[in-house]
Protein backbone atom coordinates (compact mmCIF):
# COMPACT_ATOMS: atom_id res chain seq x y z
CA MET A 1 45.10 -147.27 -161.67
CA LYS A 2 45.21 -143.08 -162.78
CA LYS A 3 45.88 -142.22 -165.93
CA VAL A 4 48.35 -140.04 -166.42
CA VAL A 5 47.89 -136.90 -169.54
CA VAL A 6 51.04 -135.37 -169.27
CA PHE A 7 52.34 -136.45 -172.72
CA LEU A 8 49.05 -135.04 -174.46
CA LEU A 9 49.42 -131.51 -172.24
CA VAL A 10 53.46 -131.40 -173.12
CA LEU A 11 52.23 -132.25 -176.82
CA ALA A 12 49.72 -130.45 -177.55
CA MET A 13 50.19 -127.09 -174.75
CA LEU A 14 51.76 -125.41 -177.39
CA SER A 15 49.98 -121.92 -176.60
CA ALA A 16 50.14 -122.55 -172.52
CA SER A 17 51.28 -119.59 -170.40
CA VAL A 18 54.22 -119.42 -169.08
CA PHE A 19 54.08 -119.54 -165.19
CA ALA A 20 56.26 -117.19 -162.81
CA ALA A 21 58.06 -118.34 -160.48
CA GLY A 22 57.07 -117.29 -156.63
CA LYS A 23 59.66 -115.97 -154.21
CA THR A 24 61.01 -117.84 -152.26
CA GLU A 25 62.96 -117.38 -148.79
CA ALA A 26 65.07 -114.61 -148.72
CA ALA A 27 68.40 -115.74 -149.03
CA PRO A 28 70.60 -117.31 -146.23
CA ALA A 29 72.24 -114.49 -144.10
CA GLY A 30 75.84 -116.43 -144.44
CA PRO A 31 77.51 -118.86 -146.63
CA VAL A 32 75.75 -122.34 -146.95
CA THR A 33 77.06 -125.86 -147.85
CA LEU A 34 74.45 -127.71 -149.71
CA LYS A 35 74.56 -131.81 -150.08
CA VAL A 36 73.55 -133.23 -153.14
CA ALA A 37 73.23 -137.40 -153.63
CA ASN A 38 73.82 -137.97 -157.02
CA TYR A 39 74.86 -141.54 -158.44
CA ALA A 40 74.74 -139.55 -162.12
CA LEU A 41 78.12 -137.95 -160.97
CA LEU A 42 80.13 -141.69 -161.62
CA GLU A 43 77.85 -142.19 -165.11
CA SER A 44 80.18 -140.87 -167.65
CA GLY A 45 77.46 -139.59 -170.24
CA TYR A 46 76.01 -137.26 -167.03
CA GLU A 47 79.02 -136.40 -165.00
CA PRO A 48 79.55 -132.99 -167.41
CA PHE A 49 76.03 -132.02 -167.29
CA TRP A 50 76.00 -131.82 -163.32
CA LYS A 51 79.34 -130.72 -163.09
CA GLN A 52 78.24 -127.95 -165.09
CA VAL A 53 75.68 -127.06 -163.06
CA LYS A 54 77.38 -126.97 -160.06
CA VAL A 55 79.71 -123.91 -161.81
CA ASP A 56 76.27 -122.15 -163.01
CA PHE A 57 75.33 -122.29 -160.08
CA GLU A 58 77.82 -121.22 -157.65
CA ALA A 59 78.39 -118.13 -160.39
CA ALA A 60 75.19 -117.32 -159.93
CA ASN A 61 74.99 -117.73 -156.22
CA PRO A 62 78.34 -116.66 -154.05
CA ASP A 63 77.01 -117.54 -150.92
CA ILE A 64 75.80 -121.47 -152.00
CA THR A 65 77.89 -124.22 -151.76
CA ILE A 66 77.22 -127.41 -153.46
CA GLU A 67 78.63 -130.61 -152.39
CA TRP A 68 78.75 -133.67 -154.00
CA VAL A 69 77.20 -137.27 -152.43
CA THR A 70 78.69 -139.85 -154.13
CA ALA A 71 78.00 -143.90 -154.48
CA PRO A 72 76.74 -146.34 -157.75
CA TYR A 73 73.65 -146.28 -158.47
CA GLY A 74 72.63 -149.46 -156.69
CA GLU A 75 74.14 -148.22 -153.58
CA ILE A 76 73.30 -144.66 -153.41
CA VAL A 77 70.04 -144.98 -151.48
CA ASN A 78 71.41 -147.38 -148.90
CA GLN A 79 74.42 -144.24 -148.56
CA VAL A 80 71.78 -141.53 -147.70
CA VAL A 81 69.93 -143.22 -145.25
CA ASN A 82 73.31 -144.44 -143.25
CA MET A 83 74.86 -141.07 -143.69
CA ALA A 84 71.80 -139.87 -141.55
CA GLY A 85 71.74 -142.56 -139.10
CA GLY A 86 75.31 -140.86 -138.61
CA GLY A 87 73.75 -137.47 -137.98
CA ASN A 88 74.62 -136.56 -141.73
CA LYS A 89 71.73 -135.96 -143.65
CA VAL A 90 72.79 -134.96 -147.36
CA ASP A 91 69.85 -132.03 -148.24
CA VAL A 92 68.07 -133.72 -151.46
CA ILE A 93 68.79 -137.02 -153.68
CA PHE A 94 68.92 -137.15 -156.99
CA GLY A 95 67.50 -140.76 -158.14
CA GLU A 96 63.90 -142.44 -158.91
CA ILE A 97 60.14 -141.36 -158.68
CA ASP A 98 60.15 -145.36 -157.33
CA TRP A 99 62.70 -144.03 -154.15
CA VAL A 100 60.16 -141.68 -152.24
CA PRO A 101 57.97 -143.83 -150.84
CA GLY A 102 61.35 -145.97 -148.66
CA LEU A 103 63.21 -142.33 -148.72
CA VAL A 104 59.53 -141.25 -147.01
CA ASP A 105 58.95 -144.10 -144.29
CA ALA A 106 62.60 -143.74 -143.59
CA GLY A 107 62.22 -140.34 -142.15
CA LEU A 108 64.04 -138.23 -144.61
CA ALA A 109 62.38 -136.86 -147.71
CA ALA A 110 60.34 -133.74 -146.35
CA PRO A 111 57.04 -132.58 -148.65
CA VAL A 112 57.62 -130.75 -150.80
CA ARG A 113 55.48 -127.68 -150.25
CA ASP A 114 57.48 -127.43 -146.91
CA ILE A 115 60.94 -125.89 -149.16
CA LEU A 116 59.65 -125.11 -152.41
CA SER A 117 57.89 -121.76 -153.53
CA GLN A 118 54.27 -121.95 -154.28
CA ALA A 119 54.57 -120.69 -157.99
CA PHE A 120 57.20 -123.19 -158.84
CA VAL A 121 55.19 -125.92 -157.45
CA ASP A 122 51.87 -124.97 -158.71
CA ASP A 123 53.96 -124.74 -162.65
CA PHE A 124 53.84 -128.30 -162.30
CA TYR A 125 51.21 -130.86 -164.39
CA PRO A 126 48.23 -131.14 -161.09
CA ASP A 127 48.17 -135.39 -162.46
CA VAL A 128 52.56 -136.23 -162.36
CA LEU A 129 52.65 -133.84 -158.90
CA LYS A 130 50.21 -137.15 -157.69
CA SER A 131 52.47 -139.30 -158.87
CA PHE A 132 54.78 -138.77 -156.31
CA GLU A 133 51.95 -138.16 -152.90
CA VAL A 134 51.74 -139.97 -149.63
CA GLU A 135 48.63 -139.69 -147.65
CA GLY A 136 48.13 -136.13 -149.57
CA LYS A 137 51.19 -134.63 -150.03
CA PRO A 138 54.17 -134.28 -152.76
CA TYR A 139 57.18 -135.77 -152.14
CA GLY A 140 59.60 -135.66 -154.66
CA ILE A 141 59.56 -132.90 -157.43
CA PRO A 142 60.44 -134.47 -161.69
CA LEU A 143 63.25 -132.60 -163.15
CA TYR A 144 61.20 -134.14 -166.54
CA VAL A 145 59.16 -138.06 -166.90
CA SER A 146 58.64 -140.55 -169.14
CA PRO A 147 56.89 -144.00 -169.90
CA TYR A 148 58.93 -146.63 -171.00
CA VAL A 149 59.52 -146.50 -174.60
CA LEU A 150 60.10 -149.50 -177.84
CA TYR A 151 63.73 -148.17 -178.44
CA TYR A 152 63.77 -149.87 -182.43
CA ASN A 153 67.37 -150.25 -184.78
CA LYS A 154 66.09 -149.30 -188.33
CA ASN A 155 68.85 -150.36 -189.79
CA LEU A 156 68.73 -154.36 -188.50
CA PHE A 157 64.82 -153.48 -189.22
CA THR A 158 66.15 -152.76 -193.11
CA GLN A 159 68.44 -155.53 -193.04
CA ALA A 160 66.00 -157.82 -191.57
CA GLY A 161 63.34 -156.98 -194.80
CA LEU A 162 61.40 -154.92 -192.46
CA ASP A 163 60.03 -151.61 -193.17
CA PRO A 164 61.83 -149.03 -190.65
CA ASN A 165 59.17 -146.53 -190.47
CA LYS A 166 57.00 -148.88 -189.46
CA PRO A 167 57.42 -150.53 -185.81
CA PRO A 168 55.22 -153.47 -184.42
CA LYS A 169 52.30 -152.31 -182.37
CA THR A 170 50.98 -155.06 -181.01
CA TYR A 171 53.34 -158.14 -179.21
CA ASP A 172 52.46 -160.38 -182.09
CA GLU A 173 53.59 -157.83 -184.75
CA MET A 174 56.29 -158.04 -182.47
CA LEU A 175 57.07 -161.62 -182.73
CA SER A 176 56.87 -162.29 -186.57
CA TYR A 177 59.87 -159.14 -186.60
CA ALA A 178 61.54 -160.77 -183.98
CA GLN A 179 61.50 -164.37 -186.34
CA LYS A 180 63.14 -162.46 -188.97
CA LEU A 181 65.69 -160.02 -187.17
CA SER A 182 66.90 -163.65 -184.57
CA GLN A 183 68.34 -164.52 -188.30
CA LEU A 184 70.48 -162.04 -187.97
CA LYS A 185 74.76 -161.31 -186.69
CA ASP A 186 76.41 -158.28 -186.70
CA ALA A 187 79.24 -157.36 -188.35
CA ASN A 188 81.86 -159.89 -186.31
CA GLY A 189 79.71 -162.83 -186.28
CA ASN A 190 77.76 -162.37 -183.31
CA LYS A 191 74.25 -163.30 -182.31
CA VAL A 192 71.68 -160.86 -182.59
CA TYR A 193 68.76 -160.67 -179.89
CA ALA A 194 65.11 -159.49 -181.29
CA PHE A 195 63.35 -158.20 -178.20
CA GLY A 196 64.97 -156.67 -174.62
CA GLN A 197 62.77 -157.07 -171.45
CA THR A 198 65.20 -156.56 -168.58
CA THR A 199 64.60 -158.74 -165.57
CA ALA A 200 67.47 -159.10 -163.78
CA SER A 201 67.44 -158.90 -160.06
CA VAL A 202 67.74 -155.12 -159.36
CA PRO A 203 64.64 -152.57 -158.98
CA VAL A 204 64.31 -151.03 -161.81
CA SER A 205 63.62 -154.43 -163.77
CA GLY A 206 60.61 -154.89 -161.32
CA ALA A 207 59.82 -151.76 -162.38
CA SER A 208 59.90 -152.67 -166.13
CA LEU A 209 57.91 -155.50 -165.82
CA THR A 210 54.99 -153.47 -164.28
CA ALA A 211 55.40 -151.88 -167.29
CA MET A 212 55.01 -154.62 -169.39
CA VAL A 213 52.18 -156.20 -167.27
CA PHE A 214 49.69 -152.64 -168.05
CA ASN A 215 51.21 -153.17 -171.90
CA PHE A 216 48.86 -156.59 -171.43
CA GLY A 217 46.06 -154.57 -169.34
CA GLY A 218 47.12 -155.56 -165.93
CA GLN A 219 47.46 -154.68 -162.62
CA VAL A 220 49.82 -155.41 -160.05
CA LEU A 221 48.64 -153.82 -156.79
CA ASP A 222 45.23 -152.02 -156.27
CA ALA A 223 44.36 -148.08 -155.14
CA GLN A 224 44.84 -148.86 -152.02
CA GLY A 225 48.47 -150.75 -152.20
CA LYS A 226 47.64 -154.28 -152.20
CA LEU A 227 48.77 -156.27 -154.32
CA ALA A 228 46.58 -158.11 -157.02
CA VAL A 229 47.84 -160.19 -159.55
CA ASP A 230 44.65 -163.23 -159.83
CA ASN A 231 44.19 -161.51 -163.56
CA GLN A 232 44.92 -162.57 -166.72
CA GLY A 233 46.52 -159.53 -168.11
CA PHE A 234 49.66 -160.16 -165.37
CA LYS A 235 49.89 -163.69 -166.18
CA ASP A 236 49.65 -162.65 -169.61
CA ALA A 237 53.09 -160.41 -169.48
CA PHE A 238 55.35 -163.38 -167.59
CA THR A 239 53.45 -165.95 -170.09
CA MET A 240 55.24 -163.51 -172.45
CA VAL A 241 58.15 -163.38 -170.75
CA GLN A 242 58.68 -166.69 -170.99
CA LYS A 243 57.91 -166.64 -174.42
CA LEU A 244 60.42 -164.76 -175.32
CA ASP A 245 63.15 -166.34 -173.66
CA GLN A 246 62.31 -169.61 -175.28
CA LEU A 247 62.28 -168.36 -178.75
CA GLY A 248 66.23 -167.26 -177.29
CA TYR A 249 64.73 -163.63 -178.39
CA ASN A 250 65.42 -162.17 -175.01
CA PRO A 251 68.88 -161.93 -172.93
CA GLN A 252 68.79 -164.01 -170.15
CA ASN A 253 68.49 -161.84 -166.99
CA ALA A 254 70.41 -158.71 -168.21
CA LYS A 255 70.76 -155.37 -166.85
CA LEU A 256 68.99 -152.75 -167.91
CA LYS A 257 72.55 -151.40 -168.87
CA ASP A 258 73.16 -154.39 -170.56
CA LEU A 259 70.43 -154.22 -172.89
CA ARG A 260 72.24 -150.49 -173.63
CA ASN A 261 75.08 -151.82 -174.89
CA LEU A 262 73.71 -154.65 -176.56
CA PHE A 263 71.73 -152.10 -178.54
CA ALA A 264 73.78 -150.05 -179.06
CA LEU A 265 76.96 -152.26 -180.47
CA GLY A 266 73.83 -153.85 -182.79
CA GLN A 267 73.40 -156.88 -181.14
CA LEU A 268 69.41 -155.84 -180.02
CA ALA A 269 67.05 -155.23 -182.61
CA MET A 270 64.28 -153.93 -179.79
CA TYR A 271 64.22 -153.71 -176.14
CA TYR A 272 61.94 -151.56 -173.49
CA ASP A 273 63.93 -148.98 -171.67
CA GLN A 274 63.39 -145.66 -169.83
CA SER A 275 63.13 -142.25 -172.28
CA TRP A 276 66.91 -141.43 -171.10
CA GLY A 277 68.41 -145.16 -171.14
CA PHE A 278 69.35 -143.65 -174.49
CA ASN A 279 71.81 -141.46 -173.20
CA GLY A 280 73.58 -144.80 -171.94
CA VAL A 281 73.28 -146.20 -175.54
CA LYS A 282 74.46 -142.78 -176.91
CA SER A 283 77.78 -142.85 -174.91
CA ILE A 284 78.72 -146.49 -175.97
CA ASN A 285 78.13 -145.28 -179.72
CA PRO A 286 77.87 -142.12 -181.01
CA ASP A 287 76.43 -143.54 -183.57
CA ALA A 288 73.30 -144.73 -182.42
CA VAL A 289 71.66 -141.73 -183.39
CA ASN A 290 71.73 -142.59 -186.59
CA PHE A 291 69.83 -145.88 -186.08
CA THR A 292 67.25 -145.66 -182.91
CA ALA A 293 63.93 -144.86 -183.21
CA SER A 294 61.33 -145.01 -180.39
CA ALA A 295 57.26 -146.41 -180.82
CA GLU A 296 54.84 -146.30 -178.59
CA PRO A 297 54.19 -149.93 -175.70
CA LEU A 298 53.24 -152.88 -177.58
CA LYS A 299 49.59 -153.74 -177.41
CA GLY A 300 49.31 -157.09 -175.49
CA GLY A 301 46.55 -159.51 -175.02
CA ASN A 302 43.18 -157.15 -173.77
CA GLY A 303 45.16 -154.22 -173.14
CA VAL A 304 45.82 -150.93 -174.62
CA GLY A 305 49.31 -150.47 -174.80
CA ALA A 306 49.62 -148.38 -171.55
CA SER A 307 53.38 -148.30 -169.70
CA LEU A 308 54.25 -147.40 -165.80
CA LEU A 309 55.09 -143.10 -165.40
CA GLN A 310 58.64 -142.97 -164.69
CA ALA A 311 60.58 -139.77 -163.45
CA HIS A 312 63.37 -138.65 -162.70
CA CYS A 313 63.03 -136.46 -159.32
CA PHE A 314 64.90 -134.46 -156.13
CA ILE A 315 63.60 -135.91 -152.78
CA LEU A 316 64.32 -132.49 -150.85
CA VAL A 317 64.97 -133.65 -147.47
CA ASP A 318 64.39 -130.48 -144.27
CA ASN A 319 67.75 -129.61 -142.51
CA GLY A 320 66.74 -126.43 -140.98
CA ALA A 321 66.05 -122.45 -142.73
CA ALA A 322 68.59 -122.00 -144.03
CA ARG A 323 69.38 -124.64 -145.88
CA LYS A 324 65.91 -125.00 -147.32
CA ALA A 325 66.10 -121.86 -148.87
CA ALA A 326 69.23 -122.58 -150.43
CA LEU A 327 67.82 -126.11 -151.78
CA SER A 328 64.77 -123.97 -153.15
CA LYS A 329 67.36 -121.94 -154.97
CA PHE A 330 68.80 -124.64 -155.89
CA VAL A 331 65.61 -126.63 -157.10
CA GLU A 332 64.59 -124.44 -158.99
CA PHE A 333 67.41 -123.17 -161.02
CA VAL A 334 68.09 -127.33 -161.99
CA ILE A 335 64.27 -127.67 -163.09
CA SER A 336 64.27 -124.92 -165.61
CA GLU A 337 64.17 -124.57 -168.92
CA GLN A 338 67.78 -122.54 -169.20
CA THR A 339 69.40 -125.67 -167.13
CA LEU A 340 67.34 -128.59 -168.96
CA SER A 341 66.79 -127.72 -172.41
CA SER A 342 69.99 -129.23 -173.75
CA TYR A 343 70.08 -131.74 -171.46
CA LEU A 344 66.86 -132.95 -172.63
CA ARG A 345 68.09 -132.16 -176.68
CA ASP A 346 71.57 -133.78 -176.01
CA LEU A 347 71.57 -135.73 -173.44
CA THR A 348 68.26 -137.34 -172.06
CA PRO A 349 65.17 -137.79 -174.42
CA ALA A 350 62.27 -136.80 -172.17
CA TYR A 351 59.32 -134.46 -171.34
CA PRO A 352 59.52 -131.79 -169.30
CA ALA A 353 57.37 -132.11 -166.00
CA LYS A 354 55.91 -128.31 -166.16
CA LYS A 355 53.49 -126.61 -167.94
CA SER A 356 56.04 -124.12 -168.59
CA MET A 357 58.28 -126.08 -170.67
CA ALA A 358 56.23 -127.31 -172.61
CA THR A 359 56.75 -125.75 -176.01
CA MET A 360 60.42 -126.28 -175.27
CA GLU A 361 62.15 -126.70 -178.85
CA SER A 362 63.80 -129.22 -177.19
CA VAL A 363 60.47 -131.13 -176.59
CA VAL A 364 59.06 -130.42 -179.64
CA ASN A 365 61.52 -131.34 -182.08
CA ASN A 366 62.73 -134.36 -180.27
CA GLY A 367 63.40 -137.01 -183.37
CA ILE A 368 64.02 -139.59 -180.99
CA LEU A 369 61.06 -139.54 -178.97
CA LYS A 370 59.05 -138.62 -181.63
CA GLY A 371 57.77 -142.60 -182.38
CA ALA A 372 56.84 -142.84 -178.44
CA SER A 373 54.92 -139.47 -178.24
CA PRO A 374 51.18 -141.24 -179.10
CA ALA A 375 51.50 -142.72 -176.38
CA ALA A 376 50.31 -140.02 -174.43
CA GLY A 377 46.68 -140.48 -172.00
CA ARG A 378 47.87 -144.13 -171.36
CA VAL A 379 50.69 -143.54 -168.70
CA GLN A 380 49.21 -145.74 -165.34
CA VAL A 381 50.67 -144.27 -161.83
CA GLN A 382 51.89 -147.58 -159.53
CA SER A 383 50.76 -147.52 -156.32
CA PHE A 384 52.86 -146.69 -154.16
CA ILE A 385 54.01 -148.42 -150.80
CA PRO A 386 56.36 -148.52 -148.85
CA ARG A 387 57.86 -151.66 -149.64
CA ILE A 388 58.07 -151.24 -153.42
CA SER A 389 61.24 -152.39 -153.62
CA ASN A 390 60.56 -155.57 -152.15
CA LEU A 391 58.34 -155.71 -155.06
CA ASN A 392 60.61 -155.29 -157.16
CA LEU A 393 62.56 -157.45 -157.03
CA GLU A 394 59.86 -160.14 -156.28
CA LEU A 395 58.85 -159.28 -160.19
CA CYS A 396 61.99 -160.48 -161.05
CA SER A 397 62.43 -163.81 -159.31
CA LEU A 398 59.49 -164.30 -160.75
CA ALA A 399 60.71 -163.89 -164.21
CA GLN A 400 63.97 -165.54 -163.58
CA ALA A 401 61.93 -168.44 -162.59
CA VAL A 402 59.62 -168.88 -165.67
CA THR A 403 62.96 -168.18 -167.86
CA VAL A 404 65.96 -169.72 -166.16
CA GLY A 405 63.66 -172.06 -163.94
CA LYS A 406 62.11 -172.71 -166.91
CA GLN A 407 59.24 -173.10 -164.12
CA ASP A 408 55.02 -173.15 -165.07
CA VAL A 409 53.89 -169.59 -165.36
CA ALA A 410 50.45 -170.83 -163.46
CA ALA A 411 52.28 -172.37 -160.38
CA SER A 412 55.15 -169.25 -160.09
CA ILE A 413 52.59 -167.15 -160.15
CA GLU A 414 50.91 -168.93 -156.86
CA LYS A 415 54.77 -169.06 -155.50
CA PHE A 416 55.39 -165.37 -156.05
CA LYS A 417 52.07 -164.37 -154.13
CA ASN A 418 52.78 -166.30 -151.10
CA THR A 419 56.03 -164.43 -150.95
CA ALA A 420 55.17 -160.65 -152.64
CA SER A 421 52.87 -160.70 -149.85
CA VAL A 422 55.41 -160.84 -146.63
CA LYS A 423 57.89 -158.69 -148.28
CA ILE A 424 55.38 -155.70 -148.77
CA SER A 425 54.50 -156.13 -145.58
CA GLN A 426 57.72 -156.55 -143.60
């Protein structure tokens, strides 16, 4: 697995020079409409930002119109693929890094260097761009990046007699904290869950479980994209998933949005999430800014607390010269300090992926992410395979087998190996 040093660079390169964006293709001669697929328009926490992007971009580019294509998070990729099958291709998809290989396999994603200027692309951290590569070419361009971070409720820590400034660093420490936190009730007498790890049957839960495997020093795929789960770290991670369930610490079969809701309501003390998940928490309970803190991923077994690189990105589609030129202008407009500064400060805690944005005030002084920043240099990239979503769903099935199904971990892993091998080769 490749180590990614994004966070060291983000935090340490305070004197990084600004890379000037080069000229893009000439502006189209006539009006152009860009179709932008974006599930975030349906999520209240993000809708105002994206609507303002449209207003500001169209004001600066009167010959280009943004047409939103929307669907819920779990449906947007299928909608884009189905539209393309009917001859109606979008120009860009706002999504997650795990979507890239599937859209490449579907013949929709274009190499970013075929559309964006060299100067603009060269401003991104090279190791980040490598994480988007399929056969040596990057097929996605990140708005920002993040590991899975450990969010925790400082108020609940205090109520349990724990120091809110000293979060756990290992899984063993977390379990000792959880023993005390699990005794708490919220103001309405509801149970407080000690620790949240998503296991619901959605691909992002599988990605989160992969991050947990990395915490324990394990792997899921080898460098060639082949299944490689015969390692102690993989077994240790799912043994921990089972233990958290047996002790009643982890809400069963929860999606990330379920964990965010419980955390926002004071019914969950600690949980793993992408950094931008805090936006979902804050949209439920604005007071969350006062009780939320982050910590670096926990160390388990022989692991060093490594995590999985995650990114919100643009996945580009080649729809001819005029729309490519307009698309390049749109991407450069959005992935800029001017556009993203308030977004990263007020909505989505994350790390920028561009060297020229390393010294942004919203990054350097982001209190929510401060505790997670020591995880720099311990972020791993999962090998890209076309059926990564299938693999992630099988990881969820494994987690459910050892929790809801109460099955033996070793036996469940053997079943997983057989099923997953078939699913990722289809």
